[in-house]
Amino acid sequence: YTAAFGLTPARSLGDGGLELLGAQAPLYLLQQ
């Protein structure tokens, strides 16, 4: 997501989540 869409990691949400910014809405990657 950082390479394809130029999003930037913002906050880690524990071991299983990551907030990405750079779009009009934040994108959260959730490891499942």
PDB file of all heavy atoms in Angstrom:
ATOM      1  N   TYR A   1       0.813  -1.225   0.000  1.00  0.00           N
ATOM      2  CA  TYR A   1       0.000   0.000   0.000  1.00  0.00           C
ATOM      3  C   TYR A   1       0.845   1.273   0.000  1.00  0.00           C
ATOM      4  O   TYR A   1       0.432   2.285  -0.559  1.00  0.00           O
ATOM      5  CB  TYR A   1      -0.999  -0.009   1.154  1.00  0.00           C
ATOM      6  CG  TYR A   1      -2.158  -0.930   0.860  1.00  0.00           C
ATOM      7  CD1 TYR A   1      -2.260  -2.163   1.457  1.00  0.00           C
ATOM      8  CD2 TYR A   1      -3.130  -0.565  -0.064  1.00  0.00           C
ATOM      9  CE1 TYR A   1      -3.302  -3.020   1.162  1.00  0.00           C
ATOM     10  CE2 TYR A   1      -4.178  -1.409  -0.374  1.00  0.00           C
ATOM     11  CZ  TYR A   1      -4.265  -2.635   0.245  1.00  0.00           C
ATOM     12  OH  TYR A   1      -5.294  -3.477  -0.069  1.00  0.00           O
ATOM     13  N   THR A   2       2.018   1.234   0.591  1.00  0.00           N
ATOM     14  CA  THR A   2       2.878   2.416   0.537  1.00  0.00           C
ATOM     15  C   THR A   2       3.495   2.566  -0.854  1.00  0.00           C
ATOM     16  O   THR A   2       3.559   3.674  -1.388  1.00  0.00           O
ATOM     17  CB  THR A   2       3.963   2.387   1.635  1.00  0.00           C
ATOM     18  OG1 THR A   2       4.735   1.200   1.508  1.00  0.00           O
ATOM     19  CG2 THR A   2       3.341   2.473   3.015  1.00  0.00           C
ATOM     20  N   ALA A   3       3.898   1.467  -1.471  1.00  0.00           N
ATOM     21  CA  ALA A   3       4.507   1.537  -2.805  1.00  0.00           C
ATOM     22  C   ALA A   3       3.468   1.778  -3.893  1.00  0.00           C
ATOM     23  O   ALA A   3       3.686   2.574  -4.802  1.00  0.00           O
ATOM     24  CB  ALA A   3       5.285   0.254  -3.104  1.00  0.00           C
ATOM     25  N   ALA A   4       2.324   1.096  -3.828  1.00  0.00           N
ATOM     26  CA  ALA A   4       1.321   1.186  -4.895  1.00  0.00           C
ATOM     27  C   ALA A   4       0.578   2.513  -4.876  1.00  0.00           C
ATOM     28  O   ALA A   4       0.323   3.096  -5.931  1.00  0.00           O
ATOM     29  CB  ALA A   4       0.329   0.033  -4.785  1.00  0.00           C
ATOM     30  N   PHE A   5       0.215   2.997  -3.691  1.00  0.00           N
ATOM     31  CA  PHE A   5      -0.657   4.158  -3.604  1.00  0.00           C
ATOM     32  C   PHE A   5      -0.018   5.356  -2.896  1.00  0.00           C
ATOM     33  O   PHE A   5      -0.666   6.378  -2.699  1.00  0.00           O
ATOM     34  CB  PHE A   5      -1.963   3.788  -2.893  1.00  0.00           C
ATOM     35  CG  PHE A   5      -2.718   2.677  -3.571  1.00  0.00           C
ATOM     36  CD1 PHE A   5      -3.315   1.689  -2.823  1.00  0.00           C
ATOM     37  CD2 PHE A   5      -2.845   2.619  -4.947  1.00  0.00           C
ATOM     38  CE1 PHE A   5      -4.027   0.656  -3.427  1.00  0.00           C
ATOM     39  CE2 PHE A   5      -3.548   1.593  -5.573  1.00  0.00           C
ATOM     40  CZ  PHE A   5      -4.143   0.618  -4.810  1.00  0.00           C
ATOM     41  N   GLY A   6       1.233   5.231  -2.490  1.00  0.00           N
ATOM     42  CA  GLY A   6       1.920   6.353  -1.870  1.00  0.00           C
ATOM     43  C   GLY A   6       1.410   6.715  -0.485  1.00  0.00           C
ATOM     44  O   GLY A   6       1.598   7.839  -0.035  1.00  0.00           O
ATOM     45  N   LEU A   7       0.781   5.774   0.204  1.00  0.00           N
ATOM     46  CA  LEU A   7       0.302   6.041   1.559  1.00  0.00           C
ATOM     47  C   LEU A   7       1.475   6.013   2.533  1.00  0.00           C
ATOM     48  O   LEU A   7       2.513   5.405   2.258  1.00  0.00           O
ATOM     49  CB  LEU A   7      -0.759   5.019   1.954  1.00  0.00           C
ATOM     50  CG  LEU A   7      -2.011   5.034   1.055  1.00  0.00           C
ATOM     51  CD1 LEU A   7      -2.945   3.897   1.432  1.00  0.00           C
ATOM     52  CD2 LEU A   7      -2.718   6.376   1.127  1.00  0.00           C
ATOM     53  N   THR A   8       1.293   6.646   3.682  1.00  0.00           N
ATOM     54  CA  THR A   8       2.355   6.771   4.668  1.00  0.00           C
ATOM     55  C   THR A   8       1.938   6.125   5.979  1.00  0.00           C
ATOM     56  O   THR A   8       0.859   6.424   6.495  1.00  0.00           O
ATOM     57  CB  THR A   8       2.654   8.266   4.925  1.00  0.00           C
ATOM     58  OG1 THR A   8       2.979   8.880   3.679  1.00  0.00           O
ATOM     59  CG2 THR A   8       3.801   8.438   5.895  1.00  0.00           C
ATOM     60  N   PRO A   9       2.766   5.238   6.546  1.00  0.00           N
ATOM     61  CA  PRO A   9       2.444   4.662   7.859  1.00  0.00           C
ATOM     62  C   PRO A   9       2.364   5.772   8.904  1.00  0.00           C
ATOM     63  O   PRO A   9       3.200   6.676   8.924  1.00  0.00           O
ATOM     64  CB  PRO A   9       3.615   3.729   8.148  1.00  0.00           C
ATOM     65  CG  PRO A   9       4.258   3.480   6.820  1.00  0.00           C
ATOM     66  CD  PRO A   9       4.015   4.707   6.004  1.00  0.00           C
ATOM     67  N   ALA A  10       1.348   5.691   9.758  1.00  0.00           N
ATOM     68  CA  ALA A  10       1.172   6.700  10.802  1.00  0.00           C
ATOM     69  C   ALA A  10       1.329   6.066  12.181  1.00  0.00           C
ATOM     70  O   ALA A  10       2.323   6.301  12.846  1.00  0.00           O
ATOM     71  CB  ALA A  10      -0.180   7.388  10.667  1.00  0.00           C
ATOM     72  N   ARG A  11       0.369   5.266  12.586  1.00  0.00           N
ATOM     73  CA  ARG A  11       0.403   4.665  13.924  1.00  0.00           C
ATOM     74  C   ARG A  11       0.303   3.153  13.823  1.00  0.00           C
ATOM     75  O   ARG A  11      -0.474   2.622  13.046  1.00  0.00           O
ATOM     76  CB  ARG A  11      -0.782   5.135  14.763  1.00  0.00           C
ATOM     77  CG  ARG A  11      -0.815   6.599  15.041  1.00  0.00           C
ATOM     78  CD  ARG A  11      -1.975   6.950  15.924  1.00  0.00           C
ATOM     79  NE  ARG A  11      -3.238   6.782  15.197  1.00  0.00           N
ATOM     80  CZ  ARG A  11      -4.432   6.935  15.742  1.00  0.00           C
ATOM     81  NH1 ARG A  11      -4.554   7.241  17.014  1.00  0.00           N
ATOM     82  NH2 ARG A  11      -5.522   6.786  15.025  1.00  0.00           N
ATOM     83  N   SER A  12       1.085   2.472  14.652  1.00  0.00           N
ATOM     84  CA  SER A  12       0.906   1.040  14.839  1.00  0.00           C
ATOM     85  C   SER A  12      -0.189   0.856  15.874  1.00  0.00           C
ATOM     86  O   SER A  12      -0.233   1.586  16.869  1.00  0.00           O
ATOM     87  CB  SER A  12       2.188   0.376  15.342  1.00  0.00           C
ATOM     88  OG  SER A  12       3.146   0.367  14.324  1.00  0.00           O
ATOM     89  N   LEU A  13      -1.042  -0.094  15.643  1.00  0.00           N
ATOM     90  CA  LEU A  13      -2.130  -0.394  16.565  1.00  0.00           C
ATOM     91  C   LEU A  13      -1.870  -1.783  17.141  1.00  0.00           C
ATOM     92  O   LEU A  13      -2.451  -2.769  16.707  1.00  0.00           O
ATOM     93  CB  LEU A  13      -3.480  -0.317  15.854  1.00  0.00           C
ATOM     94  CG  LEU A  13      -3.728   1.004  15.113  1.00  0.00           C
ATOM     95  CD1 LEU A  13      -4.992   0.935  14.289  1.00  0.00           C
ATOM     96  CD2 LEU A  13      -3.779   2.163  16.094  1.00  0.00           C
ATOM     97  N   GLY A  14      -0.939  -1.851  18.063  1.00  0.00           N
ATOM     98  CA  GLY A  14      -0.515  -3.135  18.597  1.00  0.00           C
ATOM     99  C   GLY A  14       0.243  -3.910  17.544  1.00  0.00           C
ATOM    100  O   GLY A  14       0.801  -3.347  16.603  1.00  0.00           O
ATOM    101  N   ASP A  15       0.246  -5.222  17.699  1.00  0.00           N
ATOM    102  CA  ASP A  15       0.960  -6.073  16.743  1.00  0.00           C
ATOM    103  C   ASP A  15       0.155  -6.360  15.487  1.00  0.00           C
ATOM    104  O   ASP A  15       0.709  -6.853  14.514  1.00  0.00           O
ATOM    105  CB  ASP A  15       1.320  -7.415  17.400  1.00  0.00           C
ATOM    106  CG  ASP A  15       2.343  -7.245  18.505  1.00  0.00           C
ATOM    107  OD1 ASP A  15       3.112  -6.268  18.459  1.00  0.00           O
ATOM    108  OD2 ASP A  15       2.360  -8.097  19.411  1.00  0.00           O
ATOM    109  N   GLY A  16      -1.150  -6.063  15.505  1.00  0.00           N
ATOM    110  CA  GLY A  16      -1.990  -6.507  14.404  1.00  0.00           C
ATOM    111  C   GLY A  16      -2.654  -5.419  13.603  1.00  0.00           C
ATOM    112  O   GLY A  16      -3.566  -5.705  12.830  1.00  0.00           O
ATOM    113  N   GLY A  17      -2.227  -4.174  13.743  1.00  0.00           N
ATOM    114  CA  GLY A  17      -2.877  -3.118  12.984  1.00  0.00           C
ATOM    115  C   GLY A  17      -1.929  -1.993  12.640  1.00  0.00           C
ATOM    116  O   GLY A  17      -0.957  -1.740  13.346  1.00  0.00           O
ATOM    117  N   LEU A  18      -2.213  -1.331  11.535  1.00  0.00           N
ATOM    118  CA  LEU A  18      -1.391  -0.219  11.093  1.00  0.00           C
ATOM    119  C   LEU A  18      -2.290   0.807  10.423  1.00  0.00           C
ATOM    120  O   LEU A  18      -3.101   0.460   9.550  1.00  0.00           O
ATOM    121  CB  LEU A  18      -0.323  -0.691  10.101  1.00  0.00           C
ATOM    122  CG  LEU A  18       0.577   0.396   9.517  1.00  0.00           C
ATOM    123  CD1 LEU A  18       1.443   1.035  10.609  1.00  0.00           C
ATOM    124  CD2 LEU A  18       1.443  -0.180   8.411  1.00  0.00           C
ATOM    125  N   GLU A  19      -2.137   2.057  10.817  1.00  0.00           N
ATOM    126  CA  GLU A  19      -2.852   3.163  10.201  1.00  0.00           C
ATOM    127  C   GLU A  19      -1.991   3.731   9.078  1.00  0.00           C
ATOM    128  O   GLU A  19      -0.803   4.012   9.276  1.00  0.00           O
ATOM    129  CB  GLU A  19      -3.114   4.237  11.255  1.00  0.00           C
ATOM    130  CG  GLU A  19      -3.811   5.473  10.711  1.00  0.00           C
ATOM    131  CD  GLU A  19      -3.956   6.532  11.791  1.00  0.00           C
ATOM    132  OE1 GLU A  19      -2.908   6.958  12.354  1.00  0.00           O
ATOM    133  OE2 GLU A  19      -5.094   6.920  12.066  1.00  0.00           O
ATOM    134  N   LEU A  20      -2.604   3.915   7.906  1.00  0.00           N
ATOM    135  CA  LEU A  20      -1.937   4.537   6.770  1.00  0.00           C
ATOM    136  C   LEU A  20      -2.667   5.822   6.412  1.00  0.00           C
ATOM    137  O   LEU A  20      -3.904   5.842   6.351  1.00  0.00           O
ATOM    138  CB  LEU A  20      -1.932   3.599   5.560  1.00  0.00           C
ATOM    139  CG  LEU A  20      -1.181   2.278   5.713  1.00  0.00           C
ATOM    140  CD1 LEU A  20      -1.364   1.416   4.464  1.00  0.00           C
ATOM    141  CD2 LEU A  20       0.289   2.517   5.988  1.00  0.00           C
ATOM    142  N   LEU A  21      -1.910   6.867   6.177  1.00  0.00           N
ATOM    143  CA  LEU A  21      -2.485   8.159   5.819  1.00  0.00           C
ATOM    144  C   LEU A  21      -2.027   8.568   4.427  1.00  0.00           C
ATOM    145  O   LEU A  21      -1.065   8.042   3.905  1.00  0.00           O
ATOM    146  CB  LEU A  21      -2.067   9.219   6.841  1.00  0.00           C
ATOM    147  CG  LEU A  21      -2.481   8.950   8.286  1.00  0.00           C
ATOM    148  CD1 LEU A  21      -1.963  10.061   9.192  1.00  0.00           C
ATOM    149  CD2 LEU A  21      -3.988   8.794   8.415  1.00  0.00           C
ATOM    150  N   GLY A  22      -2.726   9.548   3.865  1.00  0.00           N
ATOM    151  CA  GLY A  22      -2.381  10.071   2.554  1.00  0.00           C
ATOM    152  C   GLY A  22      -3.566  10.088   1.619  1.00  0.00           C
ATOM    153  O   GLY A  22      -3.499  10.654   0.531  1.00  0.00           O
ATOM    154  N   ALA A  23      -4.670   9.489   2.022  1.00  0.00           N
ATOM    155  CA  ALA A  23      -5.913   9.539   1.264  1.00  0.00           C
ATOM    156  C   ALA A  23      -6.887  10.428   2.038  1.00  0.00           C
ATOM    157  O   ALA A  23      -6.570  10.906   3.130  1.00  0.00           O
ATOM    158  CB  ALA A  23      -6.487   8.126   1.096  1.00  0.00           C
ATOM    159  N   GLN A  24      -8.071  10.640   1.512  1.00  0.00           N
ATOM    160  CA  GLN A  24      -9.047  11.479   2.194  1.00  0.00           C
ATOM    161  C   GLN A  24      -9.618  10.817   3.436  1.00  0.00           C
ATOM    162  O   GLN A  24     -10.189  11.483   4.282  1.00  0.00           O
ATOM    163  CB  GLN A  24     -10.165  11.871   1.243  1.00  0.00           C
ATOM    164  CG  GLN A  24      -9.676  12.840   0.180  1.00  0.00           C
ATOM    165  CD  GLN A  24     -10.743  13.167  -0.833  1.00  0.00           C
ATOM    166  OE1 GLN A  24     -11.535  12.318  -1.210  1.00  0.00           O
ATOM    167  NE2 GLN A  24     -10.756  14.408  -1.274  1.00  0.00           N
ATOM    168  N   ALA A  25      -9.465   9.519   3.542  1.00  0.00           N
ATOM    169  CA  ALA A  25      -9.876   8.781   4.741  1.00  0.00           C
ATOM    170  C   ALA A  25      -8.710   7.897   5.154  1.00  0.00           C
ATOM    171  O   ALA A  25      -8.004   7.361   4.299  1.00  0.00           O
ATOM    172  CB  ALA A  25     -11.103   7.917   4.451  1.00  0.00           C
ATOM    173  N   PRO A  26      -8.492   7.732   6.457  1.00  0.00           N
ATOM    174  CA  PRO A  26      -7.409   6.841   6.887  1.00  0.00           C
ATOM    175  C   PRO A  26      -7.717   5.397   6.521  1.00  0.00           C
ATOM    176  O   PRO A  26      -8.874   4.977   6.513  1.00  0.00           O
ATOM    177  CB  PRO A  26      -7.341   7.031   8.400  1.00  0.00           C
ATOM    178  CG  PRO A  26      -8.569   7.763   8.785  1.00  0.00           C
ATOM    179  CD  PRO A  26      -9.183   8.352   7.567  1.00  0.00           C
ATOM    180  N   LEU A  27      -6.673   4.673   6.194  1.00  0.00           N
ATOM    181  CA  LEU A  27      -6.809   3.260   5.854  1.00  0.00           C
ATOM    182  C   LEU A  27      -6.136   2.455   6.961  1.00  0.00           C
ATOM    183  O   LEU A  27      -5.005   2.760   7.343  1.00  0.00           O
ATOM    184  CB  LEU A  27      -6.130   2.995   4.510  1.00  0.00           C
ATOM    185  CG  LEU A  27      -6.382   1.641   3.883  1.00  0.00           C
ATOM    186  CD1 LEU A  27      -6.431   1.797   2.381  1.00  0.00           C
ATOM    187  CD2 LEU A  27      -5.321   0.663   4.264  1.00  0.00           C
ATOM    188  N   TYR A  28      -6.840   1.471   7.494  1.00  0.00           N
ATOM    189  CA  TYR A  28      -6.307   0.634   8.568  1.00  0.00           C
ATOM    190  C   TYR A  28      -6.111  -0.778   8.045  1.00  0.00           C
ATOM    191  O   TYR A  28      -7.057  -1.410   7.573  1.00  0.00           O
ATOM    192  CB  TYR A  28      -7.260   0.630   9.770  1.00  0.00           C
ATOM    193  CG  TYR A  28      -7.334   1.972  10.431  1.00  0.00           C
ATOM    194  CD1 TYR A  28      -8.262   2.917  10.024  1.00  0.00           C
ATOM    195  CD2 TYR A  28      -6.432   2.321  11.429  1.00  0.00           C
ATOM    196  CE1 TYR A  28      -8.313   4.168  10.610  1.00  0.00           C
ATOM    197  CE2 TYR A  28      -6.476   3.569  12.025  1.00  0.00           C
ATOM    198  CZ  TYR A  28      -7.414   4.486  11.608  1.00  0.00           C
ATOM    199  OH  TYR A  28      -7.444   5.724  12.191  1.00  0.00           O
ATOM    200  N   LEU A  29      -4.886  -1.252   8.103  1.00  0.00           N
ATOM    201  CA  LEU A  29      -4.579  -2.633   7.763  1.00  0.00           C
ATOM    202  C   LEU A  29      -4.709  -3.445   9.040  1.00  0.00           C
ATOM    203  O   LEU A  29      -4.100  -3.120  10.054  1.00  0.00           O
ATOM    204  CB  LEU A  29      -3.158  -2.746   7.204  1.00  0.00           C
ATOM    205  CG  LEU A  29      -2.870  -1.927   5.954  1.00  0.00           C
ATOM    206  CD1 LEU A  29      -1.407  -2.051   5.570  1.00  0.00           C
ATOM    207  CD2 LEU A  29      -3.773  -2.346   4.806  1.00  0.00           C
ATOM    208  N   LEU A  30      -5.516  -4.491   8.991  1.00  0.00           N
ATOM    209  CA  LEU A  30      -5.773  -5.330  10.160  1.00  0.00           C
ATOM    210  C   LEU A  30      -5.330  -6.748   9.851  1.00  0.00           C
ATOM    211  O   LEU A  30      -5.890  -7.398   8.957  1.00  0.00           O
ATOM    212  CB  LEU A  30      -7.263  -5.303  10.512  1.00  0.00           C
ATOM    213  CG  LEU A  30      -7.865  -3.909  10.724  1.00  0.00           C
ATOM    214  CD1 LEU A  30      -9.365  -4.005  10.932  1.00  0.00           C
ATOM    215  CD2 LEU A  30      -7.184  -3.200  11.872  1.00  0.00           C
ATOM    216  N   GLN A  31      -4.329  -7.216  10.565  1.00  0.00           N
ATOM    217  CA  GLN A  31      -3.824  -8.573  10.315  1.00  0.00           C
ATOM    218  C   GLN A  31      -4.812  -9.594  10.852  1.00  0.00           C
ATOM    219  O   GLN A  31      -5.139  -9.604  12.035  1.00  0.00           O
ATOM    220  CB  GLN A  31      -2.457  -8.751  10.973  1.00  0.00           C
ATOM    221  CG  GLN A  31      -1.835 -10.094  10.632  1.00  0.00           C
ATOM    222  CD  GLN A  31      -0.359 -10.110  10.942  1.00  0.00           C
ATOM    223  OE1 GLN A  31       0.402  -9.344  10.370  1.00  0.00           O
ATOM    224  NE2 GLN A  31       0.028 -10.966  11.854  1.00  0.00           N
ATOM    225  N   GLN A  32      -5.301 -10.423   9.944  1.00  0.00           N
ATOM    226  CA  GLN A  32      -6.242 -11.492  10.265  1.00  0.00           C
ATOM    227  C   GLN A  32      -5.802 -12.737   9.492  1.00  0.00           C
ATOM    228  O   GLN A  32      -5.714 -12.696   8.271  1.00  0.00           O
ATOM    229  CB  GLN A  32      -7.672 -11.122   9.840  1.00  0.00           C
ATOM    230  CG  GLN A  32      -8.189  -9.837  10.448  1.00  0.00           C
ATOM    231  CD  GLN A  32      -8.513  -9.976  11.927  1.00  0.00           C
ATOM    232  OE1 GLN A  32      -8.552 -11.076  12.481  1.00  0.00           O
ATOM    233  NE2 GLN A  32      -8.735  -8.860  12.577  1.00  0.00           N
TER     234      GLN A  32
END
